[in-house]
Amino acid sequence: METKKPVVKLLGMYGDGIFLIRAVIKALLKAGLQKEAEEFVQKATASDYVNLLKVVSEYVEVVE
């Protein structure tokens, strides 16, 4: 991703994959990154929870 990553606060979200996906999509869309949001969903749902966490960190800056 070439643009600055949106920030997502993950306090209280650990362990809930669907909530993580929704939070990242919301942040990407708020930043005007529709294409990146679509790519994120494809990559994030392609495998397991460990993959999801890796993909989340590729698309957003995670803070607590």
PDB file of N, CA and C in Angstrom:
ATOM      1  N   MET A   1       0.843  -1.170   0.000  1.00  0.00           N
ATOM      2  CA  MET A   1       0.000   0.000   0.000  1.00  0.00           C
ATOM      3  C   MET A   1       0.884   1.227   0.000  1.00  0.00           C
ATOM      4  N   GLU A   2       0.667   2.152  -0.894  1.00  0.00           N
ATOM      5  CA  GLU A   2       1.540   3.289  -1.075  1.00  0.00           C
ATOM      6  C   GLU A   2       1.147   4.490  -0.217  1.00  0.00           C
ATOM      7  N   THR A   3      -0.105   4.599   0.163  1.00  0.00           N
ATOM      8  CA  THR A   3      -0.557   5.731   0.953  1.00  0.00           C
ATOM      9  C   THR A   3      -0.300   5.479   2.429  1.00  0.00           C
ATOM     10  N   LYS A   4      -0.423   6.552   3.241  1.00  0.00           N
ATOM     11  CA  LYS A   4      -0.271   6.399   4.678  1.00  0.00           C
ATOM     12  C   LYS A   4      -1.388   5.508   5.207  1.00  0.00           C
ATOM     13  N   LYS A   5      -1.030   4.610   6.097  1.00  0.00           N
ATOM     14  CA  LYS A   5      -2.004   3.670   6.641  1.00  0.00           C
ATOM     15  C   LYS A   5      -2.929   4.361   7.626  1.00  0.00           C
ATOM     16  N   PRO A   6      -4.228   4.071   7.554  1.00  0.00           N
ATOM     17  CA  PRO A   6      -5.153   4.558   8.571  1.00  0.00           C
ATOM     18  C   PRO A   6      -4.831   3.886   9.915  1.00  0.00           C
ATOM     19  N   VAL A   7      -5.210   4.538  10.991  1.00  0.00           N
ATOM     20  CA  VAL A   7      -4.974   4.007  12.333  1.00  0.00           C
ATOM     21  C   VAL A   7      -6.240   3.311  12.824  1.00  0.00           C
ATOM     22  N   VAL A   8      -6.053   2.124  13.432  1.00  0.00           N
ATOM     23  CA  VAL A   8      -7.169   1.378  14.008  1.00  0.00           C
ATOM     24  C   VAL A   8      -6.816   1.034  15.442  1.00  0.00           C
ATOM     25  N   LYS A   9      -7.697   1.397  16.367  1.00  0.00           N
ATOM     26  CA  LYS A   9      -7.521   1.030  17.777  1.00  0.00           C
ATOM     27  C   LYS A   9      -8.140  -0.337  17.983  1.00  0.00           C
ATOM     28  N   LEU A  10      -7.349  -1.262  18.523  1.00  0.00           N
ATOM     29  CA  LEU A  10      -7.826  -2.630  18.683  1.00  0.00           C
ATOM     30  C   LEU A  10      -8.097  -3.022  20.125  1.00  0.00           C
ATOM     31  N   LEU A  11      -8.162  -2.080  21.009  1.00  0.00           N
ATOM     32  CA  LEU A  11      -8.433  -2.370  22.407  1.00  0.00           C
ATOM     33  C   LEU A  11      -9.761  -3.110  22.544  1.00  0.00           C
ATOM     34  N   GLY A  12      -9.719  -4.299  23.104  1.00  0.00           N
ATOM     35  CA  GLY A  12     -10.926  -5.079  23.305  1.00  0.00           C
ATOM     36  C   GLY A  12     -11.362  -5.913  22.119  1.00  0.00           C
ATOM     37  N   MET A  13     -10.652  -5.850  21.006  1.00  0.00           N
ATOM     38  CA  MET A  13     -11.048  -6.579  19.801  1.00  0.00           C
ATOM     39  C   MET A  13     -10.311  -7.899  19.615  1.00  0.00           C
ATOM     40  N   TYR A  14      -9.304  -8.161  20.406  1.00  0.00           N
ATOM     41  CA  TYR A  14      -8.492  -9.351  20.204  1.00  0.00           C
ATOM     42  C   TYR A  14      -9.336 -10.617  20.257  1.00  0.00           C
ATOM     43  N   GLY A  15      -9.100 -11.489  19.322  1.00  0.00           N
ATOM     44  CA  GLY A  15      -9.781 -12.766  19.286  1.00  0.00           C
ATOM     45  C   GLY A  15     -11.051 -12.785  18.457  1.00  0.00           C
ATOM     46  N   ASP A  16     -11.564 -11.646  18.086  1.00  0.00           N
ATOM     47  CA  ASP A  16     -12.796 -11.579  17.318  1.00  0.00           C
ATOM     48  C   ASP A  16     -12.479 -11.170  15.880  1.00  0.00           C
ATOM     49  N   GLY A  17     -12.304 -12.154  15.023  1.00  0.00           N
ATOM     50  CA  GLY A  17     -11.899 -11.912  13.645  1.00  0.00           C
ATOM     51  C   GLY A  17     -12.867 -11.041  12.863  1.00  0.00           C
ATOM     52  N   ILE A  18     -14.154 -11.273  13.021  1.00  0.00           N
ATOM     53  CA  ILE A  18     -15.149 -10.488  12.293  1.00  0.00           C
ATOM     54  C   ILE A  18     -15.089  -9.027  12.723  1.00  0.00           C
ATOM     55  N   PHE A  19     -14.933  -8.777  14.014  1.00  0.00           N
ATOM     56  CA  PHE A  19     -14.843  -7.411  14.504  1.00  0.00           C
ATOM     57  C   PHE A  19     -13.596  -6.729  13.964  1.00  0.00           C
ATOM     58  N   LEU A  20     -12.477  -7.454  13.897  1.00  0.00           N
ATOM     59  CA  LEU A  20     -11.241  -6.908  13.331  1.00  0.00           C
ATOM     60  C   LEU A  20     -11.443  -6.515  11.870  1.00  0.00           C
ATOM     61  N   ILE A  21     -12.045  -7.401  11.119  1.00  0.00           N
ATOM     62  CA  ILE A  21     -12.283  -7.131   9.694  1.00  0.00           C
ATOM     63  C   ILE A  21     -13.155  -5.891   9.526  1.00  0.00           C
ATOM     64  N   ARG A  22     -14.224  -5.807  10.301  1.00  0.00           N
ATOM     65  CA  ARG A  22     -15.118  -4.647  10.204  1.00  0.00           C
ATOM     66  C   ARG A  22     -14.391  -3.349  10.563  1.00  0.00           C
ATOM     67  N   ALA A  23     -13.561  -3.382  11.611  1.00  0.00           N
ATOM     68  CA  ALA A  23     -12.839  -2.180  12.037  1.00  0.00           C
ATOM     69  C   ALA A  23     -11.872  -1.706  10.959  1.00  0.00           C
ATOM     70  N   VAL A  24     -11.187  -2.644  10.318  1.00  0.00           N
ATOM     71  CA  VAL A  24     -10.232  -2.283   9.268  1.00  0.00           C
ATOM     72  C   VAL A  24     -10.965  -1.747   8.044  1.00  0.00           C
ATOM     73  N   ILE A  25     -12.042  -2.402   7.645  1.00  0.00           N
ATOM     74  CA  ILE A  25     -12.825  -1.918   6.506  1.00  0.00           C
ATOM     75  C   ILE A  25     -13.316  -0.495   6.777  1.00  0.00           C
ATOM     76  N   LYS A  26     -13.842  -0.261   7.951  1.00  0.00           N
ATOM     77  CA  LYS A  26     -14.347   1.062   8.309  1.00  0.00           C
ATOM     78  C   LYS A  26     -13.241   2.110   8.207  1.00  0.00           C
ATOM     79  N   ALA A  27     -12.060   1.797   8.726  1.00  0.00           N
ATOM     80  CA  ALA A  27     -10.938   2.742   8.684  1.00  0.00           C
ATOM     81  C   ALA A  27     -10.489   3.010   7.252  1.00  0.00           C
ATOM     82  N   LEU A  28     -10.426   1.971   6.441  1.00  0.00           N
ATOM     83  CA  LEU A  28     -10.003   2.146   5.050  1.00  0.00           C
ATOM     84  C   LEU A  28     -11.011   2.977   4.267  1.00  0.00           C
ATOM     85  N   LEU A  29     -12.289   2.703   4.457  1.00  0.00           N
ATOM     86  CA  LEU A  29     -13.313   3.457   3.752  1.00  0.00           C
ATOM     87  C   LEU A  29     -13.344   4.918   4.207  1.00  0.00           C
ATOM     88  N   LYS A  30     -13.180   5.138   5.495  1.00  0.00           N
ATOM     89  CA  LYS A  30     -13.143   6.502   6.024  1.00  0.00           C
ATOM     90  C   LYS A  30     -11.984   7.288   5.418  1.00  0.00           C
ATOM     91  N   ALA A  31     -10.881   6.589   5.119  1.00  0.00           N
ATOM     92  CA  ALA A  31      -9.710   7.221   4.511  1.00  0.00           C
ATOM     93  C   ALA A  31      -9.840   7.331   2.991  1.00  0.00           C
ATOM     94  N   GLY A  32     -10.968   6.883   2.452  1.00  0.00           N
ATOM     95  CA  GLY A  32     -11.189   6.964   1.005  1.00  0.00           C
ATOM     96  C   GLY A  32     -10.478   5.887   0.217  1.00  0.00           C
ATOM     97  N   LEU A  33     -10.194   4.776   0.855  1.00  0.00           N
ATOM     98  CA  LEU A  33      -9.427   3.694   0.226  1.00  0.00           C
ATOM     99  C   LEU A  33     -10.333   2.505  -0.106  1.00  0.00           C
ATOM    100  N   GLN A  34     -11.294   2.720  -0.995  1.00  0.00           N
ATOM    101  CA  GLN A  34     -12.258   1.693  -1.385  1.00  0.00           C
ATOM    102  C   GLN A  34     -11.566   0.463  -1.986  1.00  0.00           C
ATOM    103  N   LYS A  35     -10.659   0.679  -2.916  1.00  0.00           N
ATOM    104  CA  LYS A  35      -9.963  -0.441  -3.566  1.00  0.00           C
ATOM    105  C   LYS A  35      -9.184  -1.256  -2.539  1.00  0.00           C
ATOM    106  N   GLU A  36      -8.501  -0.569  -1.633  1.00  0.00           N
ATOM    107  CA  GLU A  36      -7.724  -1.252  -0.605  1.00  0.00           C
ATOM    108  C   GLU A  36      -8.632  -2.043   0.336  1.00  0.00           C
ATOM    109  N   ALA A  37      -9.817  -1.510   0.622  1.00  0.00           N
ATOM    110  CA  ALA A  37     -10.770  -2.222   1.478  1.00  0.00           C
ATOM    111  C   ALA A  37     -11.200  -3.526   0.824  1.00  0.00           C
ATOM    112  N   GLU A  38     -11.455  -3.481  -0.472  1.00  0.00           N
ATOM    113  CA  GLU A  38     -11.843  -4.687  -1.190  1.00  0.00           C
ATOM    114  C   GLU A  38     -10.708  -5.712  -1.218  1.00  0.00           C
ATOM    115  N   GLU A  39      -9.482  -5.238  -1.468  1.00  0.00           N
ATOM    116  CA  GLU A  39      -8.314  -6.127  -1.457  1.00  0.00           C
ATOM    117  C   GLU A  39      -8.117  -6.736  -0.072  1.00  0.00           C
ATOM    118  N   PHE A  40      -8.278  -5.900   0.945  1.00  0.00           N
ATOM    119  CA  PHE A  40      -8.108  -6.367   2.322  1.00  0.00           C
ATOM    120  C   PHE A  40      -9.045  -7.532   2.620  1.00  0.00           C
ATOM    121  N   VAL A  41     -10.311  -7.390   2.270  1.00  0.00           N
ATOM    122  CA  VAL A  41     -11.288  -8.445   2.554  1.00  0.00           C
ATOM    123  C   VAL A  41     -10.891  -9.753   1.878  1.00  0.00           C
ATOM    124  N   GLN A  42     -10.467  -9.674   0.632  1.00  0.00           N
ATOM    125  CA  GLN A  42     -10.061 -10.890  -0.083  1.00  0.00           C
ATOM    126  C   GLN A  42      -8.880 -11.562   0.599  1.00  0.00           C
ATOM    127  N   LYS A  43      -7.865 -10.776   0.945  1.00  0.00           N
ATOM    128  CA  LYS A  43      -6.672 -11.335   1.572  1.00  0.00           C
ATOM    129  C   LYS A  43      -6.941 -11.817   2.994  1.00  0.00           C
ATOM    130  N   ALA A  44      -7.703 -11.031   3.745  1.00  0.00           N
ATOM    131  CA  ALA A  44      -7.939 -11.343   5.157  1.00  0.00           C
ATOM    132  C   ALA A  44      -8.767 -12.602   5.345  1.00  0.00           C
ATOM    133  N   THR A  45      -9.638 -12.893   4.399  1.00  0.00           N
ATOM    134  CA  THR A  45     -10.511 -14.062   4.529  1.00  0.00           C
ATOM    135  C   THR A  45     -10.001 -15.276   3.758  1.00  0.00           C
ATOM    136  N   ALA A  46      -8.795 -15.188   3.229  1.00  0.00           N
ATOM    137  CA  ALA A  46      -8.247 -16.262   2.410  1.00  0.00           C
ATOM    138  C   ALA A  46      -7.714 -17.439   3.213  1.00  0.00           C
ATOM    139  N   SER A  47      -7.490 -17.233   4.502  1.00  0.00           N
ATOM    140  CA  SER A  47      -6.871 -18.301   5.289  1.00  0.00           C
ATOM    141  C   SER A  47      -7.342 -18.227   6.732  1.00  0.00           C
ATOM    142  N   ASP A  48      -6.426 -18.453   7.659  1.00  0.00           N
ATOM    143  CA  ASP A  48      -6.757 -18.557   9.076  1.00  0.00           C
ATOM    144  C   ASP A  48      -6.568 -17.240   9.837  1.00  0.00           C
ATOM    145  N   TYR A  49      -6.729 -17.301  11.160  1.00  0.00           N
ATOM    146  CA  TYR A  49      -6.647 -16.120  12.018  1.00  0.00           C
ATOM    147  C   TYR A  49      -5.263 -15.494  11.998  1.00  0.00           C
ATOM    148  N   VAL A  50      -4.226 -16.298  11.937  1.00  0.00           N
ATOM    149  CA  VAL A  50      -2.856 -15.774  11.879  1.00  0.00           C
ATOM    150  C   VAL A  50      -2.678 -14.961  10.597  1.00  0.00           C
ATOM    151  N   ASN A  51      -3.193 -15.463   9.497  1.00  0.00           N
ATOM    152  CA  ASN A  51      -3.158 -14.719   8.238  1.00  0.00           C
ATOM    153  C   ASN A  51      -3.913 -13.404   8.381  1.00  0.00           C
ATOM    154  N   LEU A  52      -5.071 -13.450   9.021  1.00  0.00           N
ATOM    155  CA  LEU A  52      -5.868 -12.238   9.228  1.00  0.00           C
ATOM    156  C   LEU A  52      -5.051 -11.171   9.944  1.00  0.00           C
ATOM    157  N   LEU A  53      -4.368 -11.548  11.015  1.00  0.00           N
ATOM    158  CA  LEU A  53      -3.566 -10.584  11.769  1.00  0.00           C
ATOM    159  C   LEU A  53      -2.440 -10.000  10.916  1.00  0.00           C
ATOM    160  N   LYS A  54      -1.825 -10.830  10.105  1.00  0.00           N
ATOM    161  CA  LYS A  54      -0.763 -10.363   9.217  1.00  0.00           C
ATOM    162  C   LYS A  54      -1.307  -9.351   8.206  1.00  0.00           C
ATOM    163  N   VAL A  55      -2.432  -9.666   7.618  1.00  0.00           N
ATOM    164  CA  VAL A  55      -3.025  -8.798   6.606  1.00  0.00           C
ATOM    165  C   VAL A  55      -3.489  -7.478   7.236  1.00  0.00           C
ATOM    166  N   VAL A  56      -4.050  -7.543   8.440  1.00  0.00           N
ATOM    167  CA  VAL A  56      -4.461  -6.320   9.135  1.00  0.00           C
ATOM    168  C   VAL A  56      -3.280  -5.367   9.252  1.00  0.00           C
ATOM    169  N   SER A  57      -2.131  -5.891   9.652  1.00  0.00           N
ATOM    170  CA  SER A  57      -0.955  -5.033   9.836  1.00  0.00           C
ATOM    171  C   SER A  57      -0.411  -4.490   8.517  1.00  0.00           C
ATOM    172  N   GLU A  58      -0.744  -5.122   7.409  1.00  0.00           N
ATOM    173  CA  GLU A  58      -0.329  -4.618   6.097  1.00  0.00           C
ATOM    174  C   GLU A  58      -1.150  -3.400   5.672  1.00  0.00           C
ATOM    175  N   TYR A  59      -2.400  -3.333   6.118  1.00  0.00           N
ATOM    176  CA  TYR A  59      -3.311  -2.307   5.640  1.00  0.00           C
ATOM    177  C   TYR A  59      -3.550  -1.142   6.589  1.00  0.00           C
ATOM    178  N   VAL A  60      -3.348  -1.363   7.887  1.00  0.00           N
ATOM    179  CA  VAL A  60      -3.579  -0.291   8.855  1.00  0.00           C
ATOM    180  C   VAL A  60      -2.481  -0.274   9.909  1.00  0.00           C
ATOM    181  N   GLU A  61      -2.360   0.856  10.569  1.00  0.00           N
ATOM    182  CA  GLU A  61      -1.471   0.957  11.722  1.00  0.00           C
ATOM    183  C   GLU A  61      -2.292   0.614  12.955  1.00  0.00           C
ATOM    184  N   VAL A  62      -1.855  -0.394  13.676  1.00  0.00           N
ATOM    185  CA  VAL A  62      -2.595  -0.881  14.830  1.00  0.00           C
ATOM    186  C   VAL A  62      -2.080  -0.182  16.092  1.00  0.00           C
ATOM    187  N   VAL A  63      -3.014   0.373  16.863  1.00  0.00           N
ATOM    188  CA  VAL A  63      -2.691   0.974  18.155  1.00  0.00           C
ATOM    189  C   VAL A  63      -3.634   0.406  19.201  1.00  0.00           C
ATOM    190  N   GLU A  64      -3.197   0.480  20.448  1.00  0.00           N
ATOM    191  CA  GLU A  64      -4.052  -0.022  21.538  1.00  0.00           C
ATOM    192  C   GLU A  64      -4.774   1.100  22.211  1.00  0.00           C
TER     193      GLU A  64
END
